[in-house]
PDB file of N, CA and C in Angstrom:
ATOM      1  N   MET A   1       0.816  -1.183   0.000  1.00  0.00           N
ATOM      2  CA  MET A   1       0.000   0.000   0.000  1.00  0.00           C
ATOM      3  C   MET A   1       0.862   1.251   0.000  1.00  0.00           C
ATOM      4  N   ARG A   2       1.929   1.201   0.758  1.00  0.00           N
ATOM      5  CA  ARG A   2       2.803   2.372   0.845  1.00  0.00           C
ATOM      6  C   ARG A   2       3.389   2.733  -0.507  1.00  0.00           C
ATOM      7  N   ARG A   3       3.681   1.719  -1.322  1.00  0.00           N
ATOM      8  CA  ARG A   3       4.259   1.981  -2.644  1.00  0.00           C
ATOM      9  C   ARG A   3       3.197   2.278  -3.684  1.00  0.00           C
ATOM     10  N   ALA A   4       2.012   1.759  -3.526  1.00  0.00           N
ATOM     11  CA  ALA A   4       0.979   1.910  -4.545  1.00  0.00           C
ATOM     12  C   ALA A   4       0.285   3.265  -4.487  1.00  0.00           C
ATOM     13  N   VAL A   5      -0.003   3.747  -3.300  1.00  0.00           N
ATOM     14  CA  VAL A   5      -0.806   4.973  -3.158  1.00  0.00           C
ATOM     15  C   VAL A   5      -0.185   6.192  -3.844  1.00  0.00           C
ATOM     16  N   PRO A   6       1.112   6.449  -3.747  1.00  0.00           N
ATOM     17  CA  PRO A   6       1.668   7.614  -4.434  1.00  0.00           C
ATOM     18  C   PRO A   6       1.539   7.557  -5.960  1.00  0.00           C
ATOM     19  N   THR A   7       1.444   6.390  -6.527  1.00  0.00           N
ATOM     20  CA  THR A   7       1.332   6.290  -7.977  1.00  0.00           C
ATOM     21  C   THR A   7      -0.061   6.631  -8.491  1.00  0.00           C
ATOM     22  N   PHE A   8      -1.052   6.665  -7.630  1.00  0.00           N
ATOM     23  CA  PHE A   8      -2.412   6.973  -8.067  1.00  0.00           C
ATOM     24  C   PHE A   8      -2.550   8.413  -8.554  1.00  0.00           C
ATOM     25  N   ALA A   9      -1.719   9.308  -8.087  1.00  0.00           N
ATOM     26  CA  ALA A   9      -1.804  10.715  -8.477  1.00  0.00           C
ATOM     27  C   ALA A   9      -1.031  11.012  -9.763  1.00  0.00           C
ATOM     28  N   LEU A  10      -0.324  10.060 -10.315  1.00  0.00           N
ATOM     29  CA  LEU A  10       0.486  10.315 -11.502  1.00  0.00           C
ATOM     30  C   LEU A  10      -0.356  10.709 -12.714  1.00  0.00           C
ATOM     31  N   SER A  11      -1.552  10.188 -12.819  1.00  0.00           N
ATOM     32  CA  SER A  11      -2.393  10.495 -13.979  1.00  0.00           C
ATOM     33  C   SER A  11      -3.325  11.667 -13.726  1.00  0.00           C
ATOM     34  N   GLY A  12      -3.216  12.295 -12.577  1.00  0.00           N
ATOM     35  CA  GLY A  12      -4.070  13.434 -12.264  1.00  0.00           C
ATOM     36  C   GLY A  12      -5.451  13.028 -11.766  1.00  0.00           C
ATOM     37  N   ALA A  13      -5.606  11.794 -11.321  1.00  0.00           N
ATOM     38  CA  ALA A  13      -6.898  11.307 -10.835  1.00  0.00           C
ATOM     39  C   ALA A  13      -7.251  11.971  -9.512  1.00  0.00           C
ATOM     40  N   ALA A  14      -8.535  12.147  -9.275  1.00  0.00           N
ATOM     41  CA  ALA A  14      -9.000  12.760  -8.036  1.00  0.00           C
ATOM     42  C   ALA A  14      -9.100  11.741  -6.904  1.00  0.00           C
ATOM     43  N   GLY A  15      -9.109  10.471  -7.231  1.00  0.00           N
ATOM     44  CA  GLY A  15      -9.224   9.435  -6.215  1.00  0.00           C
ATOM     45  C   GLY A  15      -8.992   8.071  -6.831  1.00  0.00           C
ATOM     46  N   PHE A  16      -9.316   7.040  -6.091  1.00  0.00           N
ATOM     47  CA  PHE A  16      -9.155   5.677  -6.594  1.00  0.00           C
ATOM     48  C   PHE A  16     -10.206   4.791  -5.949  1.00  0.00           C
ATOM     49  N   GLU A  17     -10.380   3.647  -6.526  1.00  0.00           N
ATOM     50  CA  GLU A  17     -11.322   2.672  -6.000  1.00  0.00           C
ATOM     51  C   GLU A  17     -10.608   1.330  -5.932  1.00  0.00           C
ATOM     52  N   ILE A  18     -10.805   0.631  -4.845  1.00  0.00           N
ATOM     53  CA  ILE A  18     -10.151  -0.664  -4.672  1.00  0.00           C
ATOM     54  C   ILE A  18     -11.196  -1.670  -4.201  1.00  0.00           C
ATOM     55  N   ALA A  19     -11.116  -2.871  -4.706  1.00  0.00           N
ATOM     56  CA  ALA A  19     -12.051  -3.927  -4.324  1.00  0.00           C
ATOM     57  C   ALA A  19     -11.370  -4.872  -3.333  1.00  0.00           C
ATOM     58  N   PRO A  20     -12.065  -5.249  -2.270  1.00  0.00           N
ATOM     59  CA  PRO A  20     -11.481  -6.171  -1.297  1.00  0.00           C
ATOM     60  C   PRO A  20     -11.346  -7.574  -1.872  1.00  0.00           C
ATOM     61  N   PRO A  21     -10.560  -8.416  -1.222  1.00  0.00           N
ATOM     62  CA  PRO A  21     -10.441  -9.797  -1.691  1.00  0.00           C
ATOM     63  C   PRO A  21     -11.810 -10.467  -1.760  1.00  0.00           C
ATOM     64  N   LEU A  22     -12.009 -11.281  -2.732  1.00  0.00           N
ATOM     65  CA  LEU A  22     -13.247 -12.021  -2.936  1.00  0.00           C
ATOM     66  C   LEU A  22     -14.460 -11.115  -3.129  1.00  0.00           C
ATOM     67  N   ALA A  23     -14.244  -9.923  -3.672  1.00  0.00           N
ATOM     68  CA  ALA A  23     -15.368  -9.037  -3.934  1.00  0.00           C
ATOM     69  C   ALA A  23     -16.301  -9.628  -4.982  1.00  0.00           C
ATOM     70  N   ARG A  24     -15.766 -10.459  -5.825  1.00  0.00           N
ATOM     71  CA  ARG A  24     -16.562 -11.125  -6.853  1.00  0.00           C
ATOM     72  C   ARG A  24     -16.755 -12.592  -6.485  1.00  0.00           C
ATOM     73  N   LYS A  25     -17.145 -12.822  -5.242  1.00  0.00           N
ATOM     74  CA  LYS A  25     -17.217 -14.201  -4.768  1.00  0.00           C
ATOM     75  C   LYS A  25     -18.333 -15.004  -5.405  1.00  0.00           C
ATOM     76  N   GLU A  26     -19.260 -14.371  -6.107  1.00  0.00           N
ATOM     77  CA  GLU A  26     -20.299 -15.141  -6.779  1.00  0.00           C
ATOM     78  C   GLU A  26     -19.701 -16.057  -7.845  1.00  0.00           C
ATOM     79  N   CYS A  27     -18.495 -15.726  -8.277  1.00  0.00           N
ATOM     80  CA  CYS A  27     -17.812 -16.569  -9.257  1.00  0.00           C
ATOM     81  C   CYS A  27     -17.124 -17.752  -8.583  1.00  0.00           C
ATOM     82  N   ALA A  28     -16.886 -17.667  -7.282  1.00  0.00           N
ATOM     83  CA  ALA A  28     -16.132 -18.711  -6.594  1.00  0.00           C
ATOM     84  C   ALA A  28     -16.936 -19.990  -6.400  1.00  0.00           C
ATOM     85  N   GLY A  29     -18.196 -19.854  -6.036  1.00  0.00           N
ATOM     86  CA  GLY A  29     -18.986 -21.034  -5.725  1.00  0.00           C
ATOM     87  C   GLY A  29     -19.786 -21.562  -6.893  1.00  0.00           C
ATOM     88  N   GLY A  30     -19.829 -20.831  -7.968  1.00  0.00           N
ATOM     89  CA  GLY A  30     -20.622 -21.249  -9.111  1.00  0.00           C
ATOM     90  C   GLY A  30     -22.056 -20.765  -8.984  1.00  0.00           C
ATOM     91  N   PRO A  31     -22.863 -21.002  -9.970  1.00  0.00           N
ATOM     92  CA  PRO A  31     -24.247 -20.528  -9.954  1.00  0.00           C
ATOM     93  C   PRO A  31     -25.032 -21.121  -8.787  1.00  0.00           C
ATOM     94  N   GLY A  32     -25.702 -20.255  -8.059  1.00  0.00           N
ATOM     95  CA  GLY A  32     -26.521 -20.709  -6.944  1.00  0.00           C
ATOM     96  C   GLY A  32     -25.756 -21.039  -5.683  1.00  0.00           C
ATOM     97  N   ARG A  33     -24.435 -20.889  -5.693  1.00  0.00           N
ATOM     98  CA  ARG A  33     -23.609 -21.183  -4.524  1.00  0.00           C
ATOM     99  C   ARG A  33     -22.683 -20.000  -4.247  1.00  0.00           C
ATOM    100  N   PRO A  34     -23.199 -18.908  -3.695  1.00  0.00           N
ATOM    101  CA  PRO A  34     -22.359 -17.727  -3.492  1.00  0.00           C
ATOM    102  C   PRO A  34     -21.353 -17.868  -2.357  1.00  0.00           C
ATOM    103  N   SER A  35     -21.505 -18.855  -1.485  1.00  0.00           N
ATOM    104  CA  SER A  35     -20.597 -18.993  -0.361  1.00  0.00           C
ATOM    105  C   SER A  35     -19.266 -19.588  -0.812  1.00  0.00           C
ATOM    106  N   ILE A  36     -18.187 -19.107  -0.211  1.00  0.00           N
ATOM    107  CA  ILE A  36     -16.867 -19.648  -0.539  1.00  0.00           C
ATOM    108  C   ILE A  36     -16.521 -20.832   0.349  1.00  0.00           C
ATOM    109  N   PHE A  37     -17.359 -21.086   1.359  1.00  0.00           N
ATOM    110  CA  PHE A  37     -17.119 -22.185   2.283  1.00  0.00           C
ATOM    111  C   PHE A  37     -17.984 -23.381   1.932  1.00  0.00           C
ATOM    112  N   ALA A  38     -17.432 -24.568   2.098  1.00  0.00           N
ATOM    113  CA  ALA A  38     -18.198 -25.781   1.862  1.00  0.00           C
ATOM    114  C   ALA A  38     -19.254 -25.934   2.957  1.00  0.00           C
ATOM    115  N   ALA A  39     -20.264 -26.707   2.691  1.00  0.00           N
ATOM    116  CA  ALA A  39     -21.350 -26.910   3.656  1.00  0.00           C
ATOM    117  C   ALA A  39     -20.823 -27.491   4.968  1.00  0.00           C
ATOM    118  N   ALA A  40     -19.787 -28.296   4.915  1.00  0.00           N
ATOM    119  CA  ALA A  40     -19.233 -28.898   6.130  1.00  0.00           C
ATOM    120  C   ALA A  40     -18.530 -27.885   7.025  1.00  0.00           C
ATOM    121  N   HIS A  41     -18.168 -26.717   6.488  1.00  0.00           N
ATOM    122  CA  HIS A  41     -17.420 -25.718   7.259  1.00  0.00           C
ATOM    123  C   HIS A  41     -18.245 -24.480   7.586  1.00  0.00           C
ATOM    124  N   GLN A  42     -19.548 -24.560   7.492  1.00  0.00           N
ATOM    125  CA  GLN A  42     -20.394 -23.405   7.791  1.00  0.00           C
ATOM    126  C   GLN A  42     -20.291 -22.979   9.258  1.00  0.00           C
ATOM    127  N   ASP A  43     -19.936 -23.887  10.151  1.00  0.00           N
ATOM    128  CA  ASP A  43     -19.816 -23.541  11.569  1.00  0.00           C
ATOM    129  C   ASP A  43     -18.582 -22.681  11.858  1.00  0.00           C
ATOM    130  N   LYS A  44     -17.653 -22.577  10.919  1.00  0.00           N
ATOM    131  CA  LYS A  44     -16.439 -21.786  11.112  1.00  0.00           C
ATOM    132  C   LYS A  44     -16.592 -20.331  10.667  1.00  0.00           C
ATOM    133  N   ILE A  45     -17.739 -19.978  10.136  1.00  0.00           N
ATOM    134  CA  ILE A  45     -17.970 -18.601   9.706  1.00  0.00           C
ATOM    135  C   ILE A  45     -18.258 -17.751  10.940  1.00  0.00           C
ATOM    136  N   TRP A  46     -17.422 -16.758  11.200  1.00  0.00           N
ATOM    137  CA  TRP A  46     -17.559 -15.945  12.399  1.00  0.00           C
ATOM    138  C   TRP A  46     -18.150 -14.570  12.115  1.00  0.00           C
ATOM    139  N   CYS A  47     -18.281 -14.209  10.858  1.00  0.00           N
ATOM    140  CA  CYS A  47     -18.819 -12.895  10.536  1.00  0.00           C
ATOM    141  C   CYS A  47     -20.123 -13.044   9.764  1.00  0.00           C
ATOM    142  N   ARG A  48     -20.983 -12.046   9.934  1.00  0.00           N
ATOM    143  CA  ARG A  48     -22.265 -12.075   9.240  1.00  0.00           C
ATOM    144  C   ARG A  48     -22.182 -11.404   7.881  1.00  0.00           C
ATOM    145  N   TRP A  49     -21.407 -10.317   7.810  1.00  0.00           N
ATOM    146  CA  TRP A  49     -21.287  -9.539   6.576  1.00  0.00           C
ATOM    147  C   TRP A  49     -19.860  -9.611   6.062  1.00  0.00           C
ATOM    148  N   ASP A  50     -19.702  -9.473   4.755  1.00  0.00           N
ATOM    149  CA  ASP A  50     -18.369  -9.577   4.161  1.00  0.00           C
ATOM    150  C   ASP A  50     -17.425  -8.468   4.603  1.00  0.00           C
ATOM    151  N   PHE A  51     -17.934  -7.269   4.843  1.00  0.00           N
ATOM    152  CA  PHE A  51     -17.030  -6.193   5.242  1.00  0.00           C
ATOM    153  C   PHE A  51     -16.412  -6.471   6.611  1.00  0.00           C
ATOM    154  N   GLU A  52     -17.047  -7.276   7.439  1.00  0.00           N
ATOM    155  CA  GLU A  52     -16.469  -7.640   8.733  1.00  0.00           C
ATOM    156  C   GLU A  52     -15.269  -8.569   8.563  1.00  0.00           C
ATOM    157  N   ARG A  53     -15.276  -9.395   7.543  1.00  0.00           N
ATOM    158  CA  ARG A  53     -14.188 -10.329   7.299  1.00  0.00           C
ATOM    159  C   ARG A  53     -12.917  -9.595   6.877  1.00  0.00           C
ATOM    160  N   TYR A  54     -13.071  -8.484   6.171  1.00  0.00           N
ATOM    161  CA  TYR A  54     -11.922  -7.756   5.632  1.00  0.00           C
ATOM    162  C   TYR A  54     -11.729  -6.417   6.321  1.00  0.00           C
ATOM    163  N   TRP A  55     -11.938  -6.359   7.628  1.00  0.00           N
ATOM    164  CA  TRP A  55     -11.837  -5.102   8.355  1.00  0.00           C
ATOM    165  C   TRP A  55     -10.423  -4.532   8.294  1.00  0.00           C
ATOM    166  N   LEU A  56      -9.406  -5.381   8.375  1.00  0.00           N
ATOM    167  CA  LEU A  56      -8.034  -4.876   8.348  1.00  0.00           C
ATOM    168  C   LEU A  56      -7.671  -4.335   6.967  1.00  0.00           C
ATOM    169  N   PHE A  57      -8.105  -5.008   5.925  1.00  0.00           N
ATOM    170  CA  PHE A  57      -7.879  -4.535   4.564  1.00  0.00           C
ATOM    171  C   PHE A  57      -8.472  -3.134   4.391  1.00  0.00           C
ATOM    172  N   ASN A  58      -9.717  -2.959   4.802  1.00  0.00           N
ATOM    173  CA  ASN A  58     -10.384  -1.657   4.674  1.00  0.00           C
ATOM    174  C   ASN A  58      -9.730  -0.597   5.549  1.00  0.00           C
ATOM    175  N   LEU A  59      -9.353  -0.965   6.739  1.00  0.00           N
ATOM    176  CA  LEU A  59      -8.719  -0.010   7.660  1.00  0.00           C
ATOM    177  C   LEU A  59      -7.387   0.481   7.099  1.00  0.00           C
ATOM    178  N   LEU A  60      -6.549  -0.441   6.643  1.00  0.00           N
ATOM    179  CA  LEU A  60      -5.228  -0.040   6.145  1.00  0.00           C
ATOM    180  C   LEU A  60      -5.312   0.794   4.875  1.00  0.00           C
ATOM    181  N   TRP A  61      -6.147   0.403   3.924  1.00  0.00           N
ATOM    182  CA  TRP A  61      -6.267   1.194   2.702  1.00  0.00           C
ATOM    183  C   TRP A  61      -6.846   2.577   3.016  1.00  0.00           C
ATOM    184  N   GLY A  62      -7.791   2.642   3.921  1.00  0.00           N
ATOM    185  CA  GLY A  62      -8.374   3.934   4.272  1.00  0.00           C
ATOM    186  C   GLY A  62      -7.410   4.848   4.985  1.00  0.00           C
ATOM    187  N   ARG A  63      -6.690   4.327   5.945  1.00  0.00           N
ATOM    188  CA  ARG A  63      -5.770   5.142   6.748  1.00  0.00           C
ATOM    189  C   ARG A  63      -4.488   5.515   5.998  1.00  0.00           C
ATOM    190  N   LEU A  64      -3.958   4.560   5.251  1.00  0.00           N
ATOM    191  CA  LEU A  64      -2.665   4.806   4.609  1.00  0.00           C
ATOM    192  C   LEU A  64      -2.771   5.568   3.289  1.00  0.00           C
ATOM    193  N   SER A  65      -3.974   5.660   2.752  1.00  0.00           N
ATOM    194  CA  SER A  65      -4.094   6.399   1.499  1.00  0.00           C
ATOM    195  C   SER A  65      -4.600   7.790   1.786  1.00  0.00           C
TER     196      SER A  65
END
């Protein structure tokens, strides 16, 4: 992040947009299976929403940029 953020201003852009890991998770499970976890591992899911899973990713990109 430290190396990437300064390069965003090279083209004169006013900002940037970044997608968290697995933002396109509907492609991971196939049609009708949006979950990335197998049915046997549903008990290991500790978060209800996807943004809770990637809190550190969002925090670091927000603070460091």
